[in-house]
Each structure stands twice: as structure tokens, then as C-alpha cells.
Amino acid sequence: MPKPYSEDLRLRIVKAVESGKTTSAVSAIYQVSPSFVSKVHQLWKQTGGVQGKQIGGYRHALLEPYEAAIREQLAHSPSMTLKELQNWLENEQNISVSMSAIAKFIRHKLGYRTVLVIQLRMKIVAGQTDVGNRPWKQAVGNNLSIAQTKRFCCVSKSRYARANI
């Protein structure tokens, strides 16, 4: 992974440019690109410092400011699909975000899992290891609208549900 140039090198570049040397001459002396020389000099003129920006690190999710509203919406409409949630975010919250970003946020921040994972966990808790045996389907029918078993809440296929495992 690339590392930022040291502040010492940045200061030497700024001093060389301030002394009257051209950008290309300074870039040849210090073996850096001419664009880096001009960017460091612009940063020096604008801020008075030459500290580089952080490379990598944690990026906050785009949906974090809307976490409370999303929780409330999912509590109000638990059978909401990702597409419906995406439309709701666009219309009500004025934010455009992809379905994959919504799915990732729901999984990681809100603790929701897909129904198929929850159904498998239900089978394991119930002691049913045979994958072909589907008593949950007989209990709630083929539509799987809403069914609660023990600590699980299952919502229809391709939707998300809260699992407290």
C-alpha cells in the first residue's frame, strides 16, 4: 500500500519552489512528479501547512444519519423489500442510494439477516438437520408473509428479518 511523502520532503519541496526553482526542476531534484510539487505548493499557499491527507481508513456509511428513520420504517413495515426501502429513501428522505448499500447497512448496522439464513438457524435450534425437511413452510404456507417461532421473526423471501441469536 502506498504511503504519503514525509513532511520533511514536502517542506524541502516548498522551500525549493519558493526560492524560485521551476516545478519540473524541483520534481527532478527530489524524484517526485511535477503534479505533486504543484499540489504541495498550492496546499502551502492555501493553508500554510504541508501535511498529507489520510490514506485509507474507516468510511462512514452514507445511511448512518438516517439510521433511526430506517429502523422506524422497518418496524412499521417489516415486510418491506430492498426496492421498496430504496424508493422510500428517495421519496421521503431525499437520498439516492443503491440497493447493495442498503443491504449492507441493514446487515451490518441494524443486525438483520436474510430469511434463508434465519430459516436454517431455526432448523438447527429445532434439531432438524435434514435440509429437505421444511416444517416452517408447512406452518406458514408458501407466501411466508410473517411467522414468529421462538426468538425469530421471518419475513417473506428476499426480504430481511431480525434474528436474535
C-alpha atoms as a PDB file:
ATOM      1  CA  MET A   1       0.000   0.000   0.000  1.00  0.00           C
ATOM      2  CA  PRO A   2       1.403   3.435  -0.866  1.00  0.00           C
ATOM      3  CA  LYS A   3       2.496   5.748   1.912  1.00  0.00           C
ATOM      4  CA  PRO A   4       2.349   9.533   1.891  1.00  0.00           C
ATOM      5  CA  TYR A   5       5.540  11.508   1.374  1.00  0.00           C
ATOM      6  CA  SER A   6       7.116  12.751   4.603  1.00  0.00           C
ATOM      7  CA  GLU A   7       6.517  16.280   5.837  1.00  0.00           C
ATOM      8  CA  ASP A   8      10.269  16.900   5.682  1.00  0.00           C
ATOM      9  CA  LEU A   9      10.312  16.193   1.938  1.00  0.00           C
ATOM     10  CA  ARG A  10       7.209  18.306   1.462  1.00  0.00           C
ATOM     11  CA  LEU A  11       8.822  21.254   3.278  1.00  0.00           C
ATOM     12  CA  ARG A  12      12.022  20.931   1.210  1.00  0.00           C
ATOM     13  CA  ILE A  13       9.911  20.966  -1.972  1.00  0.00           C
ATOM     14  CA  VAL A  14       8.047  24.089  -0.853  1.00  0.00           C
ATOM     15  CA  LYS A  15      11.319  25.865   0.044  1.00  0.00           C
ATOM     16  CA  ALA A  16      12.779  24.971  -3.366  1.00  0.00           C
ATOM     17  CA  VAL A  17       9.724  26.322  -5.210  1.00  0.00           C
ATOM     18  CA  GLU A  18       9.658  29.446  -3.015  1.00  0.00           C
ATOM     19  CA  SER A  19      13.345  30.068  -3.814  1.00  0.00           C
ATOM     20  CA  GLY A  20      12.416  30.414  -7.493  1.00  0.00           C
ATOM     21  CA  LYS A  21      13.052  26.981  -8.996  1.00  0.00           C
ATOM     22  CA  THR A  22      10.569  25.660 -11.541  1.00  0.00           C
ATOM     23  CA  THR A  23       8.157  22.825 -10.814  1.00  0.00           C
ATOM     24  CA  SER A  24       9.885  20.492 -13.274  1.00  0.00           C
ATOM     25  CA  ALA A  25      13.334  21.266 -11.823  1.00  0.00           C
ATOM     26  CA  VAL A  26      12.153  20.564  -8.266  1.00  0.00           C
ATOM     27  CA  SER A  27      10.442  17.348  -9.359  1.00  0.00           C
ATOM     28  CA  ALA A  28      13.697  16.184 -10.995  1.00  0.00           C
ATOM     29  CA  ILE A  29      15.764  17.014  -7.896  1.00  0.00           C
ATOM     30  CA  TYR A  30      13.509  15.188  -5.440  1.00  0.00           C
ATOM     31  CA  GLN A  31      12.339  12.472  -7.870  1.00  0.00           C
ATOM     32  CA  VAL A  32       8.632  13.172  -7.498  1.00  0.00           C
ATOM     33  CA  SER A  33       6.045  14.058 -10.096  1.00  0.00           C
ATOM     34  CA  PRO A  34       5.585  17.667 -11.205  1.00  0.00           C
ATOM     35  CA  SER A  35       1.903  17.494 -10.238  1.00  0.00           C
ATOM     36  CA  PHE A  36       2.887  16.538  -6.669  1.00  0.00           C
ATOM     37  CA  VAL A  37       5.199  19.549  -6.496  1.00  0.00           C
ATOM     38  CA  SER A  38       2.473  21.922  -7.677  1.00  0.00           C
ATOM     39  CA  LYS A  39      -0.140  20.377  -5.333  1.00  0.00           C
ATOM     40  CA  VAL A  40       2.145  20.667  -2.299  1.00  0.00           C
ATOM     41  CA  HIS A  41       2.940  24.273  -3.195  1.00  0.00           C
ATOM     42  CA  GLN A  42      -0.768  25.087  -3.611  1.00  0.00           C
ATOM     43  CA  LEU A  43      -1.501  23.455  -0.244  1.00  0.00           C
ATOM     44  CA  TRP A  44       1.254  25.558   1.327  1.00  0.00           C
ATOM     45  CA  LYS A  45      -0.163  28.763  -0.138  1.00  0.00           C
ATOM     46  CA  GLN A  46      -3.751  27.954   0.894  1.00  0.00           C
ATOM     47  CA  THR A  47      -3.258  26.546   4.393  1.00  0.00           C
ATOM     48  CA  GLY A  48       0.305  27.335   5.422  1.00  0.00           C
ATOM     49  CA  GLY A  49       0.918  23.628   6.055  1.00  0.00           C
ATOM     50  CA  VAL A  50       2.042  20.648   4.049  1.00  0.00           C
ATOM     51  CA  GLN A  51       0.536  17.746   5.966  1.00  0.00           C
ATOM     52  CA  GLY A  52      -0.786  14.994   3.705  1.00  0.00           C
ATOM     53  CA  LYS A  53      -4.272  13.579   3.786  1.00  0.00           C
ATOM     54  CA  GLN A  54      -5.025  10.221   5.359  1.00  0.00           C
ATOM     55  CA  ILE A  55      -4.817   7.238   3.016  1.00  0.00           C
ATOM     56  CA  GLY A  56      -7.477   4.619   3.637  1.00  0.00           C
ATOM     57  CA  GLY A  57      -9.241   4.226   6.947  1.00  0.00           C
ATOM     58  CA  TYR A  58     -12.817   3.945   8.051  1.00  0.00           C
ATOM     59  CA  ARG A  59     -15.502   5.403   5.811  1.00  0.00           C
ATOM     60  CA  HIS A  60     -18.830   6.157   7.402  1.00  0.00           C
ATOM     61  CA  ALA A  61     -21.858   4.648   5.739  1.00  0.00           C
ATOM     62  CA  LEU A  62     -23.945   7.052   3.686  1.00  0.00           C
ATOM     63  CA  LEU A  63     -27.047   5.891   5.555  1.00  0.00           C
ATOM     64  CA  GLU A  64     -25.745   6.431   9.124  1.00  0.00           C
ATOM     65  CA  PRO A  65     -27.566   9.761   9.594  1.00  0.00           C
ATOM     66  CA  TYR A  66     -30.798   8.008   8.582  1.00  0.00           C
ATOM     67  CA  GLU A  67     -30.407   5.002  10.914  1.00  0.00           C
ATOM     68  CA  ALA A  68     -33.249   5.972  13.267  1.00  0.00           C
ATOM     69  CA  ALA A  69     -35.643   6.657  10.377  1.00  0.00           C
ATOM     70  CA  ILE A  70     -34.771   3.329   8.711  1.00  0.00           C
ATOM     71  CA  ARG A  71     -35.262   1.425  11.990  1.00  0.00           C
ATOM     72  CA  GLU A  72     -38.641   3.103  12.456  1.00  0.00           C
ATOM     73  CA  GLN A  73     -39.679   2.354   8.874  1.00  0.00           C
ATOM     74  CA  LEU A  74     -38.676  -1.323   9.148  1.00  0.00           C
ATOM     75  CA  ALA A  75     -40.517  -1.614  12.476  1.00  0.00           C
ATOM     76  CA  HIS A  76     -43.606  -0.039  10.890  1.00  0.00           C
ATOM     77  CA  SER A  77     -43.387  -2.125   7.679  1.00  0.00           C
ATOM     78  CA  PRO A  78     -41.424  -5.319   8.461  1.00  0.00           C
ATOM     79  CA  SER A  79     -42.195  -6.950   5.110  1.00  0.00           C
ATOM     80  CA  MET A  80     -40.582  -4.151   3.105  1.00  0.00           C
ATOM     81  CA  THR A  81     -38.271  -5.249   0.280  1.00  0.00           C
ATOM     82  CA  LEU A  82     -34.977  -3.569  -0.523  1.00  0.00           C
ATOM     83  CA  LYS A  83     -36.510  -1.931  -3.612  1.00  0.00           C
ATOM     84  CA  GLU A  84     -39.383  -0.539  -1.537  1.00  0.00           C
ATOM     85  CA  LEU A  85     -36.916   0.746   1.055  1.00  0.00           C
ATOM     86  CA  GLN A  86     -34.837   2.326  -1.703  1.00  0.00           C
ATOM     87  CA  ASN A  87     -37.926   4.091  -3.101  1.00  0.00           C
ATOM     88  CA  TRP A  88     -38.907   5.218   0.403  1.00  0.00           C
ATOM     89  CA  LEU A  89     -35.428   6.683   0.990  1.00  0.00           C
ATOM     90  CA  GLU A  90     -35.577   8.544  -2.328  1.00  0.00           C
ATOM     91  CA  ASN A  91     -39.097   9.918  -1.795  1.00  0.00           C
ATOM     92  CA  GLU A  92     -39.176  10.580   1.956  1.00  0.00           C
ATOM     93  CA  GLN A  93     -35.535  11.187   2.874  1.00  0.00           C
ATOM     94  CA  ASN A  94     -34.324  12.685  -0.448  1.00  0.00           C
ATOM     95  CA  ILE A  95     -31.307  10.396  -0.674  1.00  0.00           C
ATOM     96  CA  SER A  96     -30.367   8.217  -3.637  1.00  0.00           C
ATOM     97  CA  VAL A  97     -28.519   5.043  -2.665  1.00  0.00           C
ATOM     98  CA  SER A  98     -28.007   1.619  -4.251  1.00  0.00           C
ATOM     99  CA  MET A  99     -29.802  -1.489  -3.056  1.00  0.00           C
ATOM    100  CA  SER A 100     -26.474  -3.152  -2.255  1.00  0.00           C
ATOM    101  CA  ALA A 101     -25.545  -0.249   0.034  1.00  0.00           C
ATOM    102  CA  ILE A 102     -28.923  -0.547   1.755  1.00  0.00           C
ATOM    103  CA  ALA A 103     -28.493  -4.322   2.147  1.00  0.00           C
ATOM    104  CA  LYS A 104     -25.002  -3.894   3.586  1.00  0.00           C
ATOM    105  CA  PHE A 105     -26.195  -1.225   6.011  1.00  0.00           C
ATOM    106  CA  ILE A 106     -29.138  -3.342   7.138  1.00  0.00           C
ATOM    107  CA  ARG A 107     -26.931  -6.389   7.698  1.00  0.00           C
ATOM    108  CA  HIS A 108     -24.015  -4.702   9.439  1.00  0.00           C
ATOM    109  CA  LYS A 109     -25.567  -1.790  11.311  1.00  0.00           C
ATOM    110  CA  LEU A 110     -29.074  -2.977  12.107  1.00  0.00           C
ATOM    111  CA  GLY A 111     -28.311  -6.676  12.578  1.00  0.00           C
ATOM    112  CA  TYR A 112     -30.821  -8.028  10.070  1.00  0.00           C
ATOM    113  CA  ARG A 113     -30.140 -11.237   8.147  1.00  0.00           C
ATOM    114  CA  THR A 114     -31.758 -12.761   5.094  1.00  0.00           C
ATOM    115  CA  VAL A 115     -34.678 -15.053   5.744  1.00  0.00           C
ATOM    116  CA  LEU A 116     -32.930 -18.133   4.350  1.00  0.00           C
ATOM    117  CA  VAL A 117     -30.163 -17.802   6.940  1.00  0.00           C
ATOM    118  CA  ILE A 118     -32.746 -17.381   9.700  1.00  0.00           C
ATOM    119  CA  GLN A 119     -34.675 -20.417   8.480  1.00  0.00           C
ATOM    120  CA  LEU A 120     -31.524 -22.512   8.552  1.00  0.00           C
ATOM    121  CA  ARG A 121     -30.774 -21.338  12.090  1.00  0.00           C
ATOM    122  CA  MET A 122     -34.346 -22.166  13.099  1.00  0.00           C
ATOM    123  CA  LYS A 123     -33.825 -25.706  11.847  1.00  0.00           C
ATOM    124  CA  ILE A 124     -30.588 -26.051  13.773  1.00  0.00           C
ATOM    125  CA  VAL A 125     -32.189 -24.786  17.003  1.00  0.00           C
ATOM    126  CA  ALA A 126     -35.158 -27.122  16.489  1.00  0.00           C
ATOM    127  CA  GLY A 127     -32.769 -30.044  15.955  1.00  0.00           C
ATOM    128  CA  GLN A 128     -33.759 -30.555  12.321  1.00  0.00           C
ATOM    129  CA  THR A 129     -30.599 -31.227  10.392  1.00  0.00           C
ATOM    130  CA  ASP A 130     -32.286 -32.601   7.276  1.00  0.00           C
ATOM    131  CA  VAL A 131     -32.228 -29.786   4.715  1.00  0.00           C
ATOM    132  CA  GLY A 132     -35.103 -31.320   2.746  1.00  0.00           C
ATOM    133  CA  ASN A 133     -37.439 -31.204   5.753  1.00  0.00           C
ATOM    134  CA  ARG A 134     -39.299 -27.884   5.698  1.00  0.00           C
ATOM    135  CA  PRO A 135     -41.799 -27.718   8.578  1.00  0.00           C
ATOM    136  CA  TRP A 136     -41.568 -23.920   8.624  1.00  0.00           C
ATOM    137  CA  LYS A 137     -43.101 -23.859   5.135  1.00  0.00           C
ATOM    138  CA  GLN A 138     -45.987 -26.087   6.204  1.00  0.00           C
ATOM    139  CA  ALA A 139     -46.603 -23.934   9.268  1.00  0.00           C
ATOM    140  CA  VAL A 140     -46.822 -20.596   7.442  1.00  0.00           C
ATOM    141  CA  GLY A 141     -47.688 -21.598   3.884  1.00  0.00           C
ATOM    142  CA  ASN A 142     -45.894 -20.768   0.661  1.00  0.00           C
ATOM    143  CA  ASN A 143     -46.131 -16.984   0.906  1.00  0.00           C
ATOM    144  CA  LEU A 144     -44.089 -16.780   4.145  1.00  0.00           C
ATOM    145  CA  SER A 145     -45.597 -13.393   4.966  1.00  0.00           C
ATOM    146  CA  ILE A 146     -44.873 -13.211   8.713  1.00  0.00           C
ATOM    147  CA  ALA A 147     -44.166 -16.097  11.060  1.00  0.00           C
ATOM    148  CA  GLN A 148     -42.699 -15.987  14.532  1.00  0.00           C
ATOM    149  CA  THR A 149     -41.006 -19.009  16.024  1.00  0.00           C
ATOM    150  CA  LYS A 150     -39.177 -18.746  19.352  1.00  0.00           C
ATOM    151  CA  ARG A 151     -36.873 -15.734  19.078  1.00  0.00           C
ATOM    152  CA  PHE A 152     -37.023 -15.415  15.291  1.00  0.00           C
ATOM    153  CA  CYS A 153     -39.146 -13.284  13.033  1.00  0.00           C
ATOM    154  CA  CYS A 154     -39.277 -14.460   9.431  1.00  0.00           C
ATOM    155  CA  VAL A 155     -40.364 -12.203   6.619  1.00  0.00           C
ATOM    156  CA  SER A 156     -41.031 -13.200   3.017  1.00  0.00           C
ATOM    157  CA  LYS A 157     -38.256 -14.420   0.725  1.00  0.00           C
ATOM    158  CA  SER A 158     -35.681 -11.882  -0.488  1.00  0.00           C
ATOM    159  CA  ARG A 159     -36.570  -9.712   2.441  1.00  0.00           C
ATOM    160  CA  TYR A 160     -34.851  -9.197   5.741  1.00  0.00           C
ATOM    161  CA  ALA A 161     -35.748 -10.150   9.284  1.00  0.00           C
ATOM    162  CA  ARG A 162     -34.369  -9.520  12.728  1.00  0.00           C
ATOM    163  CA  ALA A 163     -32.683 -12.536  14.343  1.00  0.00           C
ATOM    164  CA  ASN A 164     -31.620 -12.575  17.997  1.00  0.00           C
ATOM    165  CA  ILE A 165     -29.198 -15.462  18.039  1.00  0.00           C
END
